[in-house]
Amino acid sequence: MFDASRYDGRMPYRRCGDSGLKLPAVSLGFWHNFGHVDDLQEGRRIMHRAFDHGITHFDLANNYGPPAGSAEENVGRILIEDFVCHRDELIISTKAGHEMWQGPYGDWGSRKHLLASLDQSLKRLRLNHVDIFYSHRPDPNTRLEETMSALATAVNSGKALYVGLSKYPLKKLKKAVKILKDMGIRALVYQPPYSILNRWPETEGILDWLLEEEIGCVVFSPLAQGMLTPKYLGGIPEGSRAARSEGFLKVEQVEAQIEKVRALGDLAAAAGMPLHHLAMQWALKHPAVTSAIIGARTVAQLDDTLAALQAPEIDEELSAAIDAVSPMIEQKHAEG
């Protein structure tokens, strides 16, 4: 069913920190385009094409959809129908921490929420374990020891092979990693938003710290939710993510960045590549970055983004020009 040459070298694999785990340079994310409002069969084709191209890491969260939970349900259905013989070739990750169900236990970082959410995710995904389970965001009102103990329990119970942290600021990240270490659990990976338009992990020193600590880094939104693609150079097209009422990308966000986007588009054109290829090469250039998560609404869109791996690498002159357009200054990170 799948391409026998999927491991022929087209997809680079990078060791995740100092662990024994390798991840593809490009991972497939399910934040958008895989909910019950989307085309299940196109989602199936996207997953097939991704795997055929060596993408072995599928990244989810409990609340992905819409509605919340539906991305895991759809992926679980496709996994059991099409990938059951290939489970050991896949890295399946999910997360808990954002609002998922009503009531006082439906979000944040309590043991109650994280472990209940993991059980729910496993049922939706039709799996007995996930490969990576993340705390999706820091909880300002719950002690880190409690949140980290839930992650440790996930590993010790066999329901997750590894654990990760997402969107934690540096000070809290350092403390969380130490707490996990004291519990006998190594934090495998950290997941932040990271793109030319959102350099927050660099500004805060997180990427340099991860490199020093030999912890992996899987970044999301390397294309800034589509802003770093040619589609927005002429405005906001109908049917785009910014035009969808249920999406996270807002019209005002695009308008605030459009001058930078157009300037970056000019740099990409001068370098002989489309803007999204420039953005992907830039995100993967930092030595701390293990993998970049992409989304896709169609197979053609997936193919186009994967072609970025064949684009010219960014040299120092082009890197300096990008810095001039979008410098490393204090930037607020987006949630996902």
Foldseek 3Di string as FASTA:
>chain_A
DAAPCLVVPLWDWFAFFPDPDTATQEAAEQLDQQAPVHDLVQVLVQVRVCVNNPHQEYEEEQCRHVVGNRSLLSQLVSCVVPVVVPVVSHAYEYEFAPARDDDDQRHHQALSNQLVSLVVSCVSNVHQAGAEYEHQEHHPPDDLLRRLVSVVCCCVVVRYVAYAYEPYQDVVVVVNQVSNVVVVHHHAEYEFADWLQFHQCVLSVNLVVCNVVRHAYEYEPLCVQVLQFPCPLPHHDPPGQCNDPPHPRHRVVSVVCNVLSNQLQVLQVVLPHGRLLVSSLVVSVRPRHSHYYDYDNGNVRVVNNSCSSVRDHDDPVSVVSSCVSRNSDNDDTDHD
